[in-house]
Every structure is written in structure tokens, then in C-alpha cells.
Amino acid sequence: MVQATTRARIEELLRIDFAPRHRQPSLPRLALATVLAIVGSLAADAILVAIGTKVFPATKGYVHFQFSDYAKLTVIGVLIACIAWPIVTRISSSPRWLFFRMAILVTIVLLLPDAWILLQGQSAQAVAVLVSMHLAIAVVTYNVLVHVAPVGRAPAHLHRH
């Protein structure tokens, strides 16, 4: 009984109710959003690396600023977010609210390797650029998904009166 009550409280707190009152994002819109999120995130990464190496010339040639290094991880992360979005829209009647908080939490977790390499003696300037890249990817991906592949208006029979 205690476990069921605790689970219910957690689900209520997280707005997980398995009762969406909206249409799911369409597959074509989700596919478009995925492509745009990947391209937008990679573009943001490239721009931030270019700016970072201009502002901090000592970071030029930094291994994590190689396109092949950051592109693979960026694409994997964006794909995971793009898979998560339709799942969140199915389990919550407040998917944007939940997805936004999940994006913040995941971004914080993804900053841990940056903190680790900083503690290992990597350049603080280079790590600052990596942090900005993580933040940019989160902003781009979240916004593309919720705006390009939004949930739709609920069918009339799902409206609660």
C-alpha cells in the first residue's frame, strides 16, 4: 500500500498520468523535427567551436572540438531526445512541462563528464565551450521538437468537462 501511494505521488508530481488529452505528434513532423534538431545542434556546435577557438586561441586543435568527436555524441543525444518526446507525449497530459524538466535534468547529467575532464586538468576555456555546446544542443532540440512536432488538439471525445 505504501509503495502504491508513493508511486502515485511521484506520478502526480511528475505529471505522469498515462491519460493524454491531446493528439500525438505526427510521424512526418517527428521525422522532420529529428532532422532539424540534428542539423541545428551540429550547426550550433560548429558555431560555438568557431567562436570558442577565436575567443580562446589556446583551444585551437582541442581534441573534443574535432567535428568527428562531437558530431557522433551530438547525434546520439539528439536521437535519444527525439525518441523520448513521443514517449513523453503518451505518458503525460502535460508533455511539454515534463519534457522541459527532463531536458534540464539530462543536460545537468551530461555536464558531469565536462566537470570530470575539468578536474582532470583539461583547459577551463575548452570545457566552457563544451558546456555551451551541451546547453545549445538542449535548447535547439527541445524547441525544435515541441514546435515542429507538437502535440495536437484533443479529439472532442477526450475533452474533460
N, C-alpha and C. Protein backbone atom coordinates (compact mmCIF):
# COMPACT_ATOMS: atom_id res chain seq x y z
N MET A 1 0.82 -1.20 0.00
CA MET A 1 0.00 0.00 0.00
C MET A 1 0.86 1.26 0.00
N VAL A 2 1.92 1.23 0.82
CA VAL A 2 2.80 2.39 0.91
C VAL A 2 3.50 2.61 -0.43
N GLN A 3 3.95 1.51 -1.08
CA GLN A 3 4.62 1.65 -2.37
C GLN A 3 3.67 2.20 -3.42
N ALA A 4 2.43 1.76 -3.43
CA ALA A 4 1.45 2.26 -4.40
C ALA A 4 1.18 3.74 -4.16
N THR A 5 1.08 4.14 -2.91
CA THR A 5 0.84 5.55 -2.59
C THR A 5 2.03 6.40 -2.99
N THR A 6 3.22 5.92 -2.70
CA THR A 6 4.44 6.64 -3.08
C THR A 6 4.53 6.76 -4.59
N ARG A 7 4.25 5.68 -5.29
CA ARG A 7 4.29 5.70 -6.75
C ARG A 7 3.27 6.69 -7.29
N ALA A 8 2.07 6.69 -6.75
CA ALA A 8 1.04 7.62 -7.19
C ALA A 8 1.46 9.07 -6.96
N ARG A 9 2.10 9.34 -5.82
CA ARG A 9 2.57 10.70 -5.54
C ARG A 9 3.65 11.13 -6.51
N ILE A 10 4.58 10.21 -6.80
CA ILE A 10 5.65 10.52 -7.75
C ILE A 10 5.05 10.79 -9.13
N GLU A 11 4.12 9.94 -9.57
CA GLU A 11 3.49 10.14 -10.87
C GLU A 11 2.73 11.46 -10.91
N GLU A 12 2.07 11.80 -9.82
CA GLU A 12 1.35 13.08 -9.79
C GLU A 12 2.32 14.25 -9.83
N LEU A 13 3.39 14.16 -9.06
CA LEU A 13 4.40 15.21 -9.03
C LEU A 13 5.01 15.42 -10.42
N LEU A 14 5.28 14.32 -11.12
CA LEU A 14 5.90 14.39 -12.44
C LEU A 14 4.90 14.56 -13.58
N ARG A 15 3.63 14.59 -13.22
CA ARG A 15 2.54 14.71 -14.20
C ARG A 15 2.52 13.54 -15.18
N ILE A 16 2.84 12.37 -14.66
CA ILE A 16 2.74 11.15 -15.45
C ILE A 16 1.39 10.54 -15.12
N ASP A 17 0.49 10.57 -16.08
CA ASP A 17 -0.87 10.10 -15.80
C ASP A 17 -1.39 9.11 -16.84
N PHE A 18 -0.61 8.84 -17.85
CA PHE A 18 -0.99 7.90 -18.90
C PHE A 18 -2.38 8.23 -19.47
N ALA A 19 -2.73 9.51 -19.42
CA ALA A 19 -4.04 9.93 -19.90
C ALA A 19 -3.91 11.20 -20.73
N PRO A 20 -3.15 11.13 -21.80
CA PRO A 20 -3.01 12.35 -22.61
C PRO A 20 -4.35 12.78 -23.19
N ARG A 21 -4.57 14.07 -23.16
CA ARG A 21 -5.79 14.64 -23.73
C ARG A 21 -5.43 15.44 -24.98
N HIS A 22 -4.58 14.85 -25.78
CA HIS A 22 -4.11 15.53 -27.00
C HIS A 22 -3.77 14.47 -28.03
N ARG A 23 -3.66 14.91 -29.26
CA ARG A 23 -3.20 14.02 -30.34
C ARG A 23 -1.68 13.93 -30.26
N GLN A 24 -1.18 12.78 -30.65
CA GLN A 24 0.27 12.56 -30.65
C GLN A 24 0.89 13.33 -31.82
N PRO A 25 2.17 13.69 -31.71
CA PRO A 25 2.85 14.31 -32.84
C PRO A 25 2.81 13.36 -34.04
N SER A 26 2.63 13.91 -35.22
CA SER A 26 2.57 13.04 -36.40
C SER A 26 3.97 12.53 -36.73
N LEU A 27 4.02 11.36 -37.33
CA LEU A 27 5.30 10.75 -37.69
C LEU A 27 6.09 11.62 -38.67
N PRO A 28 5.45 12.17 -39.72
CA PRO A 28 6.22 13.05 -40.62
C PRO A 28 6.79 14.28 -39.90
N ARG A 29 6.01 14.87 -39.00
CA ARG A 29 6.50 16.04 -38.25
C ARG A 29 7.63 15.63 -37.31
N LEU A 30 7.51 14.46 -36.70
CA LEU A 30 8.57 13.97 -35.81
C LEU A 30 9.84 13.70 -36.60
N ALA A 31 9.71 13.12 -37.78
CA ALA A 31 10.89 12.86 -38.63
C ALA A 31 11.55 14.18 -39.03
N LEU A 32 10.74 15.16 -39.43
CA LEU A 32 11.27 16.48 -39.78
C LEU A 32 11.96 17.12 -38.58
N ALA A 33 11.32 17.05 -37.43
CA ALA A 33 11.90 17.63 -36.21
C ALA A 33 13.23 16.95 -35.88
N THR A 34 13.31 15.66 -36.07
CA THR A 34 14.55 14.93 -35.78
C THR A 34 15.68 15.43 -36.68
N VAL A 35 15.40 15.55 -37.97
CA VAL A 35 16.42 16.04 -38.91
C VAL A 35 16.83 17.47 -38.54
N LEU A 36 15.84 18.32 -38.28
CA LEU A 36 16.15 19.71 -37.94
C LEU A 36 16.91 19.83 -36.63
N ALA A 37 16.56 18.99 -35.65
CA ALA A 37 17.27 19.04 -34.37
C ALA A 37 18.72 18.60 -34.53
N ILE A 38 18.95 17.58 -35.34
CA ILE A 38 20.32 17.12 -35.57
C ILE A 38 21.12 18.19 -36.31
N VAL A 39 20.56 18.69 -37.40
CA VAL A 39 21.27 19.71 -38.19
C VAL A 39 21.47 20.98 -37.37
N GLY A 40 20.44 21.41 -36.66
CA GLY A 40 20.55 22.63 -35.85
C GLY A 40 21.56 22.48 -34.73
N SER A 41 21.57 21.32 -34.09
CA SER A 41 22.53 21.08 -33.00
C SER A 41 23.96 21.02 -33.51
N LEU A 42 24.17 20.34 -34.64
CA LEU A 42 25.51 20.29 -35.22
C LEU A 42 25.98 21.67 -35.67
N ALA A 43 25.06 22.46 -36.21
CA ALA A 43 25.41 23.82 -36.61
C ALA A 43 25.77 24.66 -35.39
N ALA A 44 24.98 24.54 -34.32
CA ALA A 44 25.27 25.28 -33.09
C ALA A 44 26.64 24.86 -32.55
N ASP A 45 26.92 23.55 -32.55
CA ASP A 45 28.23 23.07 -32.09
C ASP A 45 29.34 23.71 -32.91
N ALA A 46 29.22 23.67 -34.23
CA ALA A 46 30.27 24.20 -35.10
C ALA A 46 30.47 25.69 -34.88
N ILE A 47 29.38 26.41 -34.73
CA ILE A 47 29.48 27.86 -34.48
C ILE A 47 30.15 28.13 -33.14
N LEU A 48 29.78 27.37 -32.12
CA LEU A 48 30.38 27.58 -30.80
C LEU A 48 31.86 27.20 -30.78
N VAL A 49 32.24 26.17 -31.50
CA VAL A 49 33.66 25.81 -31.61
C VAL A 49 34.41 26.94 -32.32
N ALA A 50 33.83 27.46 -33.40
CA ALA A 50 34.49 28.55 -34.14
C ALA A 50 34.66 29.78 -33.25
N ILE A 51 33.60 30.12 -32.54
CA ILE A 51 33.68 31.28 -31.63
C ILE A 51 34.67 30.99 -30.50
N GLY A 52 34.56 29.79 -29.92
CA GLY A 52 35.43 29.43 -28.80
C GLY A 52 36.90 29.48 -29.16
N THR A 53 37.25 28.99 -30.34
CA THR A 53 38.66 28.99 -30.73
C THR A 53 39.15 30.39 -31.11
N LYS A 54 38.23 31.28 -31.47
CA LYS A 54 38.61 32.68 -31.73
C LYS A 54 38.81 33.43 -30.42
N VAL A 55 37.86 33.22 -29.49
CA VAL A 55 37.94 33.91 -28.20
C VAL A 55 39.07 33.34 -27.34
N PHE A 56 39.26 32.02 -27.43
CA PHE A 56 40.31 31.34 -26.65
C PHE A 56 41.26 30.63 -27.63
N PRO A 57 42.18 31.38 -28.24
CA PRO A 57 43.06 30.80 -29.26
C PRO A 57 43.84 29.56 -28.78
N ALA A 58 44.10 29.45 -27.50
CA ALA A 58 44.84 28.29 -26.98
C ALA A 58 44.05 26.99 -27.14
N THR A 59 42.75 27.09 -27.40
CA THR A 59 41.92 25.88 -27.55
C THR A 59 41.90 25.35 -28.98
N LYS A 60 42.51 26.07 -29.89
CA LYS A 60 42.54 25.62 -31.29
C LYS A 60 43.22 24.25 -31.34
N GLY A 61 42.59 23.30 -32.02
CA GLY A 61 43.13 21.95 -32.12
C GLY A 61 42.73 21.04 -30.97
N TYR A 62 41.93 21.54 -30.03
CA TYR A 62 41.49 20.72 -28.89
C TYR A 62 40.72 19.51 -29.43
N VAL A 63 41.06 18.33 -28.91
CA VAL A 63 40.55 17.08 -29.46
C VAL A 63 39.02 17.03 -29.50
N HIS A 64 38.36 17.54 -28.47
CA HIS A 64 36.89 17.48 -28.43
C HIS A 64 36.23 18.50 -29.34
N PHE A 65 37.02 19.34 -29.98
CA PHE A 65 36.48 20.30 -30.95
C PHE A 65 36.54 19.78 -32.38
N GLN A 66 36.99 18.57 -32.57
CA GLN A 66 37.00 17.95 -33.89
C GLN A 66 35.58 17.53 -34.23
N PHE A 67 35.13 17.85 -35.43
CA PHE A 67 33.75 17.52 -35.83
C PHE A 67 33.43 16.05 -35.58
N SER A 68 34.36 15.17 -35.94
CA SER A 68 34.11 13.73 -35.78
C SER A 68 33.94 13.36 -34.31
N ASP A 69 34.55 14.10 -33.43
CA ASP A 69 34.45 13.81 -32.00
C ASP A 69 33.09 14.23 -31.44
N TYR A 70 32.70 15.47 -31.70
CA TYR A 70 31.44 15.93 -31.10
C TYR A 70 30.22 15.55 -31.91
N ALA A 71 30.35 15.34 -33.20
CA ALA A 71 29.17 15.04 -34.04
C ALA A 71 28.53 13.72 -33.64
N LYS A 72 29.33 12.71 -33.41
CA LYS A 72 28.80 11.39 -33.05
C LYS A 72 27.98 11.47 -31.76
N LEU A 73 28.54 12.12 -30.75
CA LEU A 73 27.85 12.22 -29.46
C LEU A 73 26.62 13.13 -29.57
N THR A 74 26.72 14.17 -30.36
CA THR A 74 25.58 15.06 -30.54
C THR A 74 24.42 14.32 -31.21
N VAL A 75 24.71 13.59 -32.27
CA VAL A 75 23.66 12.86 -32.99
C VAL A 75 23.01 11.82 -32.07
N ILE A 76 23.82 11.09 -31.32
CA ILE A 76 23.26 10.09 -30.41
C ILE A 76 22.34 10.75 -29.38
N GLY A 77 22.80 11.82 -28.79
CA GLY A 77 21.99 12.52 -27.78
C GLY A 77 20.70 13.08 -28.34
N VAL A 78 20.77 13.67 -29.51
CA VAL A 78 19.57 14.23 -30.13
C VAL A 78 18.60 13.11 -30.50
N LEU A 79 19.10 12.01 -31.03
CA LEU A 79 18.22 10.89 -31.36
C LEU A 79 17.50 10.35 -30.12
N ILE A 80 18.22 10.26 -29.02
CA ILE A 80 17.58 9.81 -27.77
C ILE A 80 16.46 10.77 -27.37
N ALA A 81 16.72 12.06 -27.46
CA ALA A 81 15.68 13.04 -27.12
C ALA A 81 14.49 12.93 -28.07
N CYS A 82 14.77 12.68 -29.35
CA CYS A 82 13.69 12.58 -30.34
C CYS A 82 12.87 11.31 -30.15
N ILE A 83 13.46 10.29 -29.59
CA ILE A 83 12.71 9.08 -29.24
C ILE A 83 11.91 9.33 -27.96
N ALA A 84 12.49 10.08 -27.05
CA ALA A 84 11.82 10.34 -25.76
C ALA A 84 10.57 11.21 -25.92
N TRP A 85 10.60 12.18 -26.84
CA TRP A 85 9.48 13.11 -26.97
C TRP A 85 8.14 12.39 -27.21
N PRO A 86 8.01 11.52 -28.19
CA PRO A 86 6.71 10.86 -28.37
C PRO A 86 6.33 9.95 -27.19
N ILE A 87 7.31 9.42 -26.50
CA ILE A 87 7.01 8.62 -25.30
C ILE A 87 6.41 9.52 -24.22
N VAL A 88 7.03 10.67 -24.02
CA VAL A 88 6.52 11.62 -23.02
C VAL A 88 5.11 12.08 -23.39
N THR A 89 4.86 12.28 -24.69
CA THR A 89 3.52 12.73 -25.08
C THR A 89 2.46 11.66 -24.84
N ARG A 90 2.87 10.41 -24.74
CA ARG A 90 1.93 9.31 -24.46
C ARG A 90 1.68 9.11 -22.97
N ILE A 91 2.66 9.43 -22.14
CA ILE A 91 2.51 9.14 -20.71
C ILE A 91 2.05 10.33 -19.88
N SER A 92 1.97 11.50 -20.50
CA SER A 92 1.63 12.69 -19.73
C SER A 92 0.60 13.55 -20.46
N SER A 93 -0.31 14.10 -19.69
CA SER A 93 -1.24 15.06 -20.27
C SER A 93 -0.61 16.46 -20.28
N SER A 94 0.59 16.58 -19.71
CA SER A 94 1.36 17.83 -19.73
C SER A 94 2.75 17.54 -20.29
N PRO A 95 2.83 17.10 -21.55
CA PRO A 95 4.12 16.64 -22.06
C PRO A 95 5.20 17.71 -22.15
N ARG A 96 4.84 18.93 -22.51
CA ARG A 96 5.88 19.97 -22.60
C ARG A 96 6.45 20.28 -21.23
N TRP A 97 5.59 20.32 -20.22
CA TRP A 97 6.02 20.57 -18.84
C TRP A 97 7.02 19.50 -18.42
N LEU A 98 6.67 18.23 -18.64
CA LEU A 98 7.53 17.12 -18.24
C LEU A 98 8.80 17.08 -19.08
N PHE A 99 8.68 17.23 -20.39
CA PHE A 99 9.84 17.15 -21.28
C PHE A 99 10.84 18.26 -20.99
N PHE A 100 10.37 19.44 -20.67
CA PHE A 100 11.25 20.56 -20.32
C PHE A 100 12.08 20.21 -19.09
N ARG A 101 11.45 19.67 -18.09
CA ARG A 101 12.16 19.30 -16.87
C ARG A 101 13.12 18.14 -17.10
N MET A 102 12.70 17.21 -17.95
CA MET A 102 13.59 16.11 -18.31
C MET A 102 14.82 16.64 -19.06
N ALA A 103 14.60 17.60 -19.95
CA ALA A 103 15.73 18.18 -20.71
C ALA A 103 16.73 18.85 -19.77
N ILE A 104 16.23 19.54 -18.77
CA ILE A 104 17.12 20.18 -17.80
C ILE A 104 17.91 19.13 -17.04
N LEU A 105 17.21 18.11 -16.55
CA LEU A 105 17.87 17.05 -15.78
C LEU A 105 18.92 16.33 -16.62
N VAL A 106 18.56 15.96 -17.83
CA VAL A 106 19.51 15.25 -18.70
C VAL A 106 20.71 16.14 -19.02
N THR A 107 20.47 17.41 -19.27
CA THR A 107 21.57 18.33 -19.56
C THR A 107 22.52 18.43 -18.38
N ILE A 108 21.98 18.50 -17.17
CA ILE A 108 22.83 18.55 -15.98
C ILE A 108 23.68 17.28 -15.89
N VAL A 109 23.06 16.12 -16.12
CA VAL A 109 23.79 14.86 -16.08
C VAL A 109 24.89 14.85 -17.16
N LEU A 110 24.57 15.38 -18.34
CA LEU A 110 25.56 15.38 -19.43
C LEU A 110 26.69 16.38 -19.20
N LEU A 111 26.53 17.25 -18.23
CA LEU A 111 27.62 18.16 -17.87
C LEU A 111 28.63 17.50 -16.94
N LEU A 112 28.27 16.36 -16.36
CA LEU A 112 29.19 15.68 -15.45
C LEU A 112 30.51 15.28 -16.11
N PRO A 113 30.48 14.74 -17.34
CA PRO A 113 31.78 14.46 -17.99
C PRO A 113 32.62 15.72 -18.20
N ASP A 114 31.96 16.85 -18.46
CA ASP A 114 32.70 18.11 -18.60
C ASP A 114 33.38 18.46 -17.28
N ALA A 115 32.65 18.29 -16.18
CA ALA A 115 33.23 18.56 -14.86
C ALA A 115 34.40 17.61 -14.60
N TRP A 116 34.23 16.36 -15.00
CA TRP A 116 35.28 15.36 -14.79
C TRP A 116 36.56 15.73 -15.56
N ILE A 117 36.42 16.09 -16.83
CA ILE A 117 37.64 16.41 -17.59
C ILE A 117 38.27 17.71 -17.10
N LEU A 118 37.45 18.61 -16.57
CA LEU A 118 37.99 19.82 -15.96
C LEU A 118 38.82 19.45 -14.73
N LEU A 119 38.29 18.55 -13.91
CA LEU A 119 39.02 18.11 -12.72
C LEU A 119 40.29 17.34 -13.07
N GLN A 120 40.31 16.76 -14.26
CA GLN A 120 41.49 16.02 -14.72
C GLN A 120 42.55 16.93 -15.32
N GLY A 121 42.29 18.24 -15.33
CA GLY A 121 43.28 19.19 -15.79
C GLY A 121 43.09 19.74 -17.19
N GLN A 122 41.95 19.43 -17.81
CA GLN A 122 41.68 19.98 -19.14
C GLN A 122 41.50 21.50 -19.02
N SER A 123 41.70 22.19 -20.10
CA SER A 123 41.58 23.64 -20.15
C SER A 123 40.18 24.10 -19.74
N ALA A 124 40.13 25.02 -18.80
CA ALA A 124 38.84 25.56 -18.35
C ALA A 124 38.14 26.28 -19.51
N GLN A 125 38.92 26.91 -20.38
CA GLN A 125 38.33 27.59 -21.52
C GLN A 125 37.69 26.60 -22.48
N ALA A 126 38.38 25.50 -22.75
CA ALA A 126 37.83 24.48 -23.65
C ALA A 126 36.58 23.84 -23.03
N VAL A 127 36.62 23.57 -21.74
CA VAL A 127 35.47 22.98 -21.07
C VAL A 127 34.30 23.95 -21.08
N ALA A 128 34.55 25.23 -20.96
CA ALA A 128 33.48 26.23 -21.02
C ALA A 128 32.79 26.17 -22.38
N VAL A 129 33.55 25.97 -23.43
CA VAL A 129 32.96 25.84 -24.77
C VAL A 129 32.14 24.55 -24.85
N LEU A 130 32.66 23.46 -24.29
CA LEU A 130 31.90 22.20 -24.28
C LEU A 130 30.58 22.36 -23.53
N VAL A 131 30.61 23.05 -22.41
CA VAL A 131 29.38 23.30 -21.64
C VAL A 131 28.40 24.10 -22.49
N SER A 132 28.89 25.13 -23.16
CA SER A 132 28.00 25.93 -24.01
C SER A 132 27.41 25.08 -25.13
N MET A 133 28.17 24.12 -25.63
CA MET A 133 27.68 23.22 -26.68
C MET A 133 26.55 22.35 -26.13
N HIS A 134 26.74 21.80 -24.94
CA HIS A 134 25.67 20.99 -24.33
C HIS A 134 24.40 21.82 -24.14
N LEU A 135 24.55 23.03 -23.66
CA LEU A 135 23.38 23.88 -23.44
C LEU A 135 22.68 24.22 -24.76
N ALA A 136 23.47 24.51 -25.78
CA ALA A 136 22.89 24.84 -27.09
C ALA A 136 22.13 23.65 -27.67
N ILE A 137 22.71 22.47 -27.56
CA ILE A 137 22.04 21.27 -28.07
C ILE A 137 20.70 21.08 -27.37
N ALA A 138 20.68 21.27 -26.07
CA ALA A 138 19.43 21.11 -25.31
C ALA A 138 18.38 22.13 -25.76
N VAL A 139 18.79 23.37 -25.91
CA VAL A 139 17.85 24.42 -26.31
C VAL A 139 17.31 24.16 -27.72
N VAL A 140 18.21 23.85 -28.63
CA VAL A 140 17.80 23.59 -30.02
C VAL A 140 16.86 22.39 -30.08
N THR A 141 17.26 21.29 -29.48
CA THR A 141 16.49 20.05 -29.58
C THR A 141 15.11 20.20 -28.94
N TYR A 142 15.06 20.74 -27.73
CA TYR A 142 13.77 20.92 -27.06
C TYR A 142 12.84 21.77 -27.93
N ASN A 143 13.32 22.93 -28.35
CA ASN A 143 12.46 23.84 -29.11
C ASN A 143 12.01 23.28 -30.44
N VAL A 144 12.91 22.61 -31.15
CA VAL A 144 12.52 22.02 -32.43
C VAL A 144 11.45 20.96 -32.21
N LEU A 145 11.66 20.09 -31.23
CA LEU A 145 10.68 19.01 -31.01
C LEU A 145 9.30 19.55 -30.63
N VAL A 146 9.25 20.44 -29.66
CA VAL A 146 7.92 20.87 -29.19
C VAL A 146 7.22 21.81 -30.16
N HIS A 147 7.98 22.45 -31.07
CA HIS A 147 7.35 23.37 -32.02
C HIS A 147 7.13 22.76 -33.40
N VAL A 148 8.03 21.90 -33.84
CA VAL A 148 7.89 21.29 -35.17
C VAL A 148 7.05 20.02 -35.09
N ALA A 149 7.16 19.29 -33.97
CA ALA A 149 6.37 18.07 -33.78
C ALA A 149 5.50 18.21 -32.52
N PRO A 150 4.62 19.21 -32.53
CA PRO A 150 3.84 19.46 -31.31
C PRO A 150 2.73 18.43 -31.14
N VAL A 151 2.23 18.39 -29.92
CA VAL A 151 1.02 17.60 -29.70
C VAL A 151 -0.12 18.40 -30.33
N GLY A 152 -1.14 17.68 -30.79
CA GLY A 152 -2.27 18.35 -31.42
C GLY A 152 -3.43 18.53 -30.46
N ARG A 153 -4.40 19.24 -30.92
CA ARG A 153 -5.62 19.43 -30.12
C ARG A 153 -6.28 18.07 -29.91
N ALA A 154 -6.87 17.92 -28.77
CA ALA A 154 -7.52 16.66 -28.44
C ALA A 154 -8.79 16.47 -29.25
N PRO A 155 -9.08 15.22 -29.62
CA PRO A 155 -10.37 14.94 -30.23
C PRO A 155 -11.47 15.28 -29.22
N ALA A 156 -12.63 15.62 -29.72
CA ALA A 156 -13.74 16.06 -28.86
C ALA A 156 -14.05 15.06 -27.75
N HIS A 157 -13.96 13.77 -28.03
CA HIS A 157 -14.32 12.77 -27.02
C HIS A 157 -13.30 12.69 -25.88
N LEU A 158 -12.12 13.30 -26.05
CA LEU A 158 -11.13 13.28 -24.97
C LEU A 158 -11.19 14.52 -24.08
N HIS A 159 -11.96 15.53 -24.48
CA HIS A 159 -12.08 16.73 -23.65
C HIS A 159 -12.79 16.38 -22.36
N ARG A 160 -12.27 16.88 -21.27
CA ARG A 160 -12.93 16.67 -19.97
C ARG A 160 -13.79 17.88 -19.69
N HIS A 161 -14.93 17.63 -19.19
CA HIS A 161 -15.86 18.74 -18.90
C HIS A 161 -15.93 19.00 -17.42
